[in-house]
Amino acid sequence: KNGRFVMDKATLKAASMKAAQVPDWIIQKDFSILKALPGKIRSRFIGQNEAVNGVVRLSRIGYGGGRTDEKPVASIMFAGPTGTGKTYLSKLLSKNLGLKMITMDMTTYRSSVSMDRFLSVMTDNLTINPHAVYVFEEIDKANVQVLDRLYFLLDEGIFYDRNQKPMYARGCFVIMTTNAGYDVIVKNRDKPNVRELFELALLDRFRPSFLNRFDEIAMFRPFTDPEYIDMAKLHIRLKADGMKETYDWNLSVDDSIPTLIARESRSLTFGARPTLRMINGILSLGVTNYQIEMAPLEEGSNINLELLSAENKRFKLSVEGGDSLEFQVDL
């Protein structure tokens, strides 16, 4: 009635990919996303070069047309101590690729009776989100039956539901995290054969055939002293950016503060989390104490935080055109 329409193969392919929630940049082959990926991740992430290089390389192969086998877009295991950035890197990857992140807590699938629930959750997720970053947290805690189903997902890009119906999973970027082998990494972090010892530790927990299905296994190492300083500087900047965006405050911090935080929060056991808690405690506490004791901070306020005494952990928060407040923090 309204004329003649011609649907070519490219148009049909783009429409079907759109319906499957494939991001526009993949449909349009805008590979500038992949080119910018290393810089985008590095602007918010410290250390772990092996893992960062791994996800960048696998993203380029999987989304740039380099992958031709029948597997997921990519599969990688993140293994190492807690607090070293395994989940955080996964979030940065999904955000910068414009993909939804589906997180599965594998500690809830420890027993054989949880198998049906796992199959149901995976079936629902793959039906709604066939193209996403799938993160299986603490995979070492999962029941062996669950691992068997994930074995086929890694090997074939297919997930079999409770009726053995194959489900498409070749649009998934699969990440599995584990703390297995963390003690070996921590104890032998300075030895040249730490990677070999780490791989032997993984074999104590996982079958060789399962580990061999990953494209890569990235070993997360404890942070070095310079990395702790860089991390403190980065997250202080991110905290200041958040205050600017939310409250329009302009926060500046003395150079001595990141060094103090790095020194006081360094932990081989807990990684970056004590550093992040300390940053939040010092900056947020100072701002909160000022508003309670002195006056509310107006939009556009210029705020400066300086360290008065590293020994006594005393700080001074000054507001341009206003008063200043000294406070002490128990680190």
Protein backbone atom coordinates (compact mmCIF):
# COMPACT_ATOMS: atom_id res chain seq x y z
CA LYS A 1 0.00 0.00 0.00
CA ASN A 2 2.80 2.43 0.91
CA GLY A 3 5.30 1.27 -1.67
CA ARG A 4 7.86 -1.47 -2.21
CA PHE A 5 10.44 -2.29 0.45
CA VAL A 6 13.63 -4.28 0.02
CA MET A 7 15.26 -5.93 3.05
CA ASP A 8 18.86 -6.89 2.42
CA LYS A 9 20.97 -9.32 4.42
CA ALA A 10 22.88 -6.59 6.28
CA THR A 11 19.66 -4.91 7.43
CA LEU A 12 18.18 -8.19 8.66
CA LYS A 13 21.40 -9.09 10.46
CA ALA A 14 21.54 -5.70 12.21
CA ALA A 15 17.89 -5.97 13.24
CA SER A 16 18.37 -9.46 14.71
CA MET A 17 21.50 -8.36 16.58
CA LYS A 18 19.62 -5.35 17.96
CA ALA A 19 16.82 -7.63 19.18
CA ALA A 20 19.43 -9.79 20.94
CA GLN A 21 20.68 -6.69 22.83
CA VAL A 22 24.00 -6.56 21.02
CA PRO A 23 25.52 -3.09 21.67
CA ASP A 24 25.33 -0.62 18.79
CA TRP A 25 29.11 -0.31 18.54
CA ILE A 26 29.40 -4.02 17.77
CA ILE A 27 26.63 -3.86 15.15
CA GLN A 28 28.23 -0.81 13.55
CA LYS A 29 31.77 -2.19 13.97
CA ASP A 30 32.92 0.92 15.80
CA PHE A 31 36.27 -0.47 16.93
CA SER A 32 37.29 2.82 18.54
CA ILE A 33 35.72 1.29 21.69
CA LEU A 34 38.35 -1.45 21.65
CA LYS A 35 41.12 1.02 20.88
CA ALA A 36 40.20 3.20 23.86
CA LEU A 37 39.64 0.25 26.24
CA PRO A 38 43.17 0.06 27.78
CA GLY A 39 43.23 3.77 28.59
CA LYS A 40 39.69 3.73 29.98
CA ILE A 41 40.50 0.85 32.33
CA ARG A 42 43.88 2.23 33.37
CA SER A 43 42.35 5.61 34.27
CA ARG A 44 40.50 3.89 37.13
CA PHE A 45 42.57 0.79 37.91
CA ILE A 46 46.00 0.24 39.47
CA GLY A 47 48.33 -2.71 38.93
CA GLN A 48 47.50 -6.26 37.75
CA ASN A 49 49.03 -5.81 34.30
CA GLU A 50 48.59 -9.48 33.47
CA ALA A 51 44.81 -9.35 33.98
CA VAL A 52 44.31 -5.96 32.29
CA ASN A 53 46.34 -6.98 29.25
CA GLY A 54 44.41 -10.25 29.17
CA VAL A 55 40.92 -8.75 29.05
CA VAL A 56 42.02 -6.13 26.51
CA ARG A 57 43.55 -8.79 24.26
CA LEU A 58 40.55 -11.12 24.55
CA SER A 59 38.12 -8.26 23.90
CA ARG A 60 39.94 -7.37 20.69
CA ILE A 61 39.96 -10.98 19.51
CA GLY A 62 36.37 -11.72 20.52
CA TYR A 63 34.68 -8.54 19.33
CA GLY A 64 37.04 -7.53 16.53
CA GLY A 65 36.41 -10.54 14.33
CA GLY A 66 39.45 -12.57 15.29
CA ARG A 67 37.48 -15.40 16.88
CA THR A 68 36.05 -18.04 14.55
CA ASP A 69 35.64 -21.08 16.82
CA GLU A 70 32.36 -22.01 18.51
CA LYS A 71 33.05 -20.72 22.00
CA PRO A 72 32.03 -17.74 24.13
CA VAL A 73 33.39 -14.34 23.08
CA ALA A 74 36.11 -14.85 25.69
CA SER A 75 36.74 -16.76 28.90
CA ILE A 76 39.21 -15.85 31.61
CA MET A 77 39.79 -16.86 35.23
CA PHE A 78 40.83 -14.20 37.75
CA ALA A 79 42.66 -15.90 40.64
CA GLY A 80 44.44 -14.44 43.64
CA PRO A 81 44.11 -12.79 47.06
CA THR A 82 40.99 -10.92 48.11
CA GLY A 83 40.89 -7.17 47.54
CA THR A 84 43.19 -7.19 44.51
CA GLY A 85 40.62 -5.98 41.98
CA LYS A 86 39.03 -9.08 40.42
CA THR A 87 35.43 -7.88 40.66
CA TYR A 88 36.36 -4.24 40.10
CA LEU A 89 38.14 -5.05 36.83
CA SER A 90 35.09 -7.02 35.70
CA LYS A 91 32.88 -3.99 36.35
CA LEU A 92 35.22 -1.66 34.46
CA LEU A 93 35.33 -4.05 31.51
CA SER A 94 31.54 -4.35 31.22
CA LYS A 95 31.02 -0.61 31.64
CA ASN A 96 33.55 0.37 28.98
CA LEU A 97 32.31 -2.27 26.53
CA GLY A 98 28.73 -1.08 27.02
CA LEU A 99 27.63 -4.56 28.11
CA LYS A 100 25.39 -5.60 30.98
CA MET A 101 27.20 -7.41 33.78
CA ILE A 102 25.51 -10.53 35.17
CA THR A 103 27.01 -11.57 38.52
CA MET A 104 26.54 -15.09 39.86
CA ASP A 105 27.50 -15.75 43.50
CA MET A 106 28.68 -19.34 43.32
CA THR A 107 28.72 -19.74 47.12
CA THR A 108 24.94 -20.22 46.84
CA TYR A 109 25.44 -23.29 44.63
CA ARG A 110 27.59 -25.40 46.94
CA SER A 111 25.29 -28.43 47.24
CA SER A 112 23.82 -30.81 44.68
CA VAL A 113 20.29 -29.75 45.65
CA SER A 114 21.05 -26.24 44.40
CA MET A 115 21.58 -27.53 40.85
CA ASP A 116 18.00 -26.97 39.71
CA ARG A 117 18.06 -23.40 40.98
CA PHE A 118 21.34 -22.74 39.15
CA LEU A 119 19.93 -24.12 35.89
CA SER A 120 16.84 -21.94 36.27
CA VAL A 121 18.80 -18.76 36.97
CA MET A 122 21.21 -19.36 34.08
CA THR A 123 18.37 -20.17 31.68
CA ASP A 124 16.55 -16.95 32.58
CA ASN A 125 19.71 -14.86 32.25
CA LEU A 126 20.79 -16.31 28.91
CA THR A 127 17.27 -15.90 27.55
CA ILE A 128 17.15 -12.20 28.46
CA ASN A 129 20.87 -11.32 28.15
CA PRO A 130 22.59 -13.51 25.55
CA HIS A 131 25.23 -10.81 25.03
CA ALA A 132 26.70 -9.73 28.38
CA VAL A 133 29.67 -10.05 30.71
CA TYR A 134 28.98 -13.05 32.95
CA VAL A 135 30.94 -13.02 36.21
CA PHE A 136 30.94 -16.21 38.29
CA GLU A 137 32.22 -15.11 41.70
CA GLU A 138 34.14 -17.60 43.88
CA ILE A 139 33.84 -20.41 41.35
CA ASP A 140 35.84 -22.73 43.64
CA LYS A 141 32.84 -22.84 46.00
CA ALA A 142 30.45 -24.29 43.37
CA ASN A 143 29.29 -27.91 43.36
CA VAL A 144 31.00 -30.20 40.85
CA GLN A 145 27.71 -30.65 38.95
CA VAL A 146 27.58 -26.90 38.42
CA LEU A 147 31.16 -26.91 37.17
CA ASP A 148 30.26 -29.65 34.70
CA ARG A 149 27.59 -27.44 33.10
CA LEU A 150 29.99 -24.52 32.94
CA TYR A 151 32.58 -26.84 31.38
CA PHE A 152 30.39 -27.16 28.30
CA LEU A 153 29.70 -23.43 28.28
CA LEU A 154 33.45 -22.77 28.12
CA ASP A 155 34.11 -25.52 25.61
CA GLU A 156 31.22 -25.06 23.16
CA GLY A 157 29.59 -21.72 23.92
CA ILE A 158 26.47 -23.72 24.73
CA PHE A 159 24.66 -24.04 28.06
CA TYR A 160 22.37 -27.02 28.56
CA ASP A 161 19.24 -26.38 30.63
CA ARG A 162 17.47 -28.89 32.88
CA ASN A 163 15.91 -30.57 29.83
CA GLN A 164 19.27 -30.76 28.07
CA LYS A 165 18.10 -28.12 25.63
CA PRO A 166 21.11 -26.22 24.27
CA MET A 167 21.08 -22.48 24.87
CA TYR A 168 23.18 -19.95 22.95
CA ALA A 169 26.02 -18.59 25.08
CA ARG A 170 28.51 -17.54 22.40
CA GLY A 171 27.75 -13.87 23.01
CA CYS A 172 29.02 -14.08 26.60
CA PHE A 173 32.29 -12.70 27.92
CA VAL A 174 32.87 -15.21 30.73
CA ILE A 175 34.87 -14.26 33.83
CA MET A 176 35.30 -16.61 36.79
CA THR A 177 36.93 -15.43 40.00
CA THR A 178 38.53 -17.42 42.81
CA ASN A 179 40.76 -16.93 45.82
CA ALA A 180 42.23 -20.40 45.28
CA GLY A 181 46.01 -20.32 45.43
CA TYR A 182 46.11 -16.94 47.19
CA ASP A 183 48.36 -18.20 49.99
CA VAL A 184 50.89 -19.52 47.48
CA ILE A 185 50.93 -16.16 45.69
CA VAL A 186 51.36 -14.20 48.94
CA LYS A 187 54.12 -16.42 50.34
CA ASN A 188 56.06 -16.67 47.08
CA ARG A 189 55.28 -13.28 45.52
CA ASP A 190 58.97 -12.40 45.03
CA LYS A 191 60.07 -15.79 43.67
CA PRO A 192 60.61 -16.22 39.91
CA ASN A 193 58.63 -19.49 39.90
CA VAL A 194 55.54 -18.08 41.62
CA ARG A 195 53.43 -18.65 38.49
CA GLU A 196 54.37 -22.33 38.40
CA LEU A 197 53.57 -22.78 42.09
CA PHE A 198 50.28 -20.93 41.61
CA GLU A 199 49.21 -23.22 38.75
CA LEU A 200 49.99 -26.29 40.87
CA ALA A 201 47.78 -24.84 43.63
CA LEU A 202 44.92 -24.41 41.16
CA LEU A 203 45.24 -28.08 40.16
CA ASP A 204 44.57 -29.01 43.79
CA ARG A 205 41.13 -27.42 43.46
CA PHE A 206 40.11 -27.76 39.79
CA ARG A 207 40.35 -30.53 37.21
CA PRO A 208 43.01 -29.93 34.53
CA SER A 209 40.35 -30.33 31.81
CA PHE A 210 38.30 -27.52 33.38
CA LEU A 211 41.24 -25.12 33.69
CA ASN A 212 42.32 -25.94 30.13
CA ARG A 213 39.00 -24.62 28.76
CA PHE A 214 39.82 -21.00 29.67
CA ASP A 215 41.37 -18.72 27.10
CA GLU A 216 43.56 -17.30 29.87
CA ILE A 217 44.10 -17.57 33.62
CA ALA A 218 45.23 -14.27 35.16
CA MET A 219 47.13 -14.31 38.44
CA PHE A 220 46.38 -11.35 40.69
CA ARG A 221 49.36 -10.33 42.80
CA PRO A 222 49.51 -8.36 46.09
CA PHE A 223 50.02 -4.64 45.49
CA THR A 224 53.49 -3.13 45.83
CA ASP A 225 54.22 -0.06 47.97
CA PRO A 226 54.30 2.31 44.93
CA GLU A 227 51.00 0.81 43.73
CA TYR A 228 49.40 1.53 47.11
CA ILE A 229 50.43 5.19 46.76
CA ASP A 230 49.10 5.34 43.19
CA MET A 231 45.90 3.67 44.37
CA ALA A 232 45.43 6.21 47.17
CA LYS A 233 45.96 9.09 44.72
CA LEU A 234 43.53 7.57 42.20
CA HIS A 235 40.71 6.96 44.66
CA ILE A 236 41.15 10.31 46.36
CA ARG A 237 40.69 11.85 42.90
CA LEU A 238 37.63 9.69 42.26
CA LYS A 239 36.23 10.69 45.66
CA ALA A 240 36.81 14.37 44.86
CA ASP A 241 35.17 13.89 41.45
CA GLY A 242 32.16 12.34 43.15
CA MET A 243 31.86 15.29 45.56
CA LYS A 244 32.09 17.68 42.63
CA GLU A 245 29.40 15.86 40.68
CA THR A 246 27.04 15.40 43.64
CA TYR A 247 27.55 18.57 45.69
CA ASP A 248 29.60 20.85 43.39
CA TRP A 249 32.40 20.97 45.97
CA ASN A 250 35.99 21.52 44.85
CA LEU A 251 38.20 19.37 47.06
CA SER A 252 42.00 19.49 47.07
CA VAL A 253 44.23 17.25 49.18
CA ASP A 254 47.86 17.71 50.27
CA ASP A 255 50.40 15.41 48.59
CA SER A 256 51.43 13.95 51.96
CA ILE A 257 47.99 12.41 52.57
CA PRO A 258 48.11 9.66 49.88
CA THR A 259 51.50 8.57 51.18
CA LEU A 260 50.17 8.35 54.75
CA ILE A 261 47.09 6.41 53.66
CA ALA A 262 49.18 4.00 51.58
CA ARG A 263 51.54 3.33 54.47
CA GLU A 264 48.82 2.86 57.09
CA SER A 265 46.44 0.77 55.00
CA ARG A 266 48.87 -1.58 53.21
CA SER A 267 47.76 -5.20 53.67
CA LEU A 268 48.89 -8.44 52.03
CA THR A 269 45.79 -10.13 53.43
CA PHE A 270 43.02 -7.69 52.51
CA GLY A 271 44.42 -5.87 49.46
CA ALA A 272 42.90 -2.55 48.43
CA ARG A 273 39.81 -2.52 50.62
CA PRO A 274 41.47 -1.06 53.75
CA THR A 275 42.87 1.75 51.56
CA LEU A 276 39.43 2.58 50.17
CA ARG A 277 37.87 2.49 53.65
CA MET A 278 40.58 4.80 54.99
CA ILE A 279 40.10 7.31 52.17
CA ASN A 280 36.38 7.36 52.81
CA GLY A 281 36.92 7.67 56.56
CA ILE A 282 39.32 10.63 56.32
CA LEU A 283 37.67 12.66 53.55
CA SER A 284 34.05 11.99 54.44
CA LEU A 285 34.69 12.39 58.17
CA GLY A 286 36.40 15.73 57.67
CA VAL A 287 33.58 17.12 55.54
CA THR A 288 30.92 15.77 57.90
CA ASN A 289 32.64 17.11 61.03
CA TYR A 290 32.98 20.54 59.42
CA GLN A 291 29.27 20.73 58.62
CA ILE A 292 28.33 19.56 62.11
CA GLU A 293 30.75 21.77 64.04
CA MET A 294 31.07 24.83 61.79
CA ALA A 295 28.55 25.42 59.00
CA PRO A 296 26.93 23.63 56.05
CA LEU A 297 29.04 23.62 52.89
CA GLU A 298 27.48 25.53 50.04
CA GLU A 299 27.58 24.51 46.40
CA GLY A 300 30.80 25.66 44.74
CA SER A 301 32.76 25.58 48.02
CA ASN A 302 36.55 25.28 47.67
CA ILE A 303 37.80 22.81 50.28
CA ASN A 304 41.37 21.93 51.18
CA LEU A 305 42.48 19.03 53.36
CA GLU A 306 45.99 19.03 54.84
CA LEU A 307 47.91 16.73 57.15
CA LEU A 308 49.05 18.40 60.38
CA SER A 309 50.65 15.41 62.08
CA ALA A 310 51.31 11.99 60.59
CA GLU A 311 52.19 10.63 64.03
CA ASN A 312 48.96 11.77 65.68
CA LYS A 313 46.83 11.42 62.50
CA ARG A 314 45.62 15.01 62.77
CA PHE A 315 44.14 16.79 59.79
CA LYS A 316 42.92 20.28 58.97
CA LEU A 317 40.01 21.03 56.67
CA SER A 318 39.80 24.61 55.39
CA VAL A 319 37.06 26.25 53.35
CA GLU A 320 37.86 29.26 51.21
CA GLY A 321 36.14 32.30 52.67
CA GLY A 322 35.21 30.37 55.80
CA ASP A 323 36.67 28.81 58.91
CA SER A 324 38.90 25.77 59.31
CA LEU A 325 38.50 22.65 61.42
CA GLU A 326 41.14 20.39 62.93
CA PHE A 327 40.22 16.77 63.52
CA GLN A 328 41.88 13.47 64.41
CA VAL A 329 41.26 10.11 62.80
CA ASP A 330 41.89 6.71 64.37
CA LEU A 331 43.50 4.76 61.51
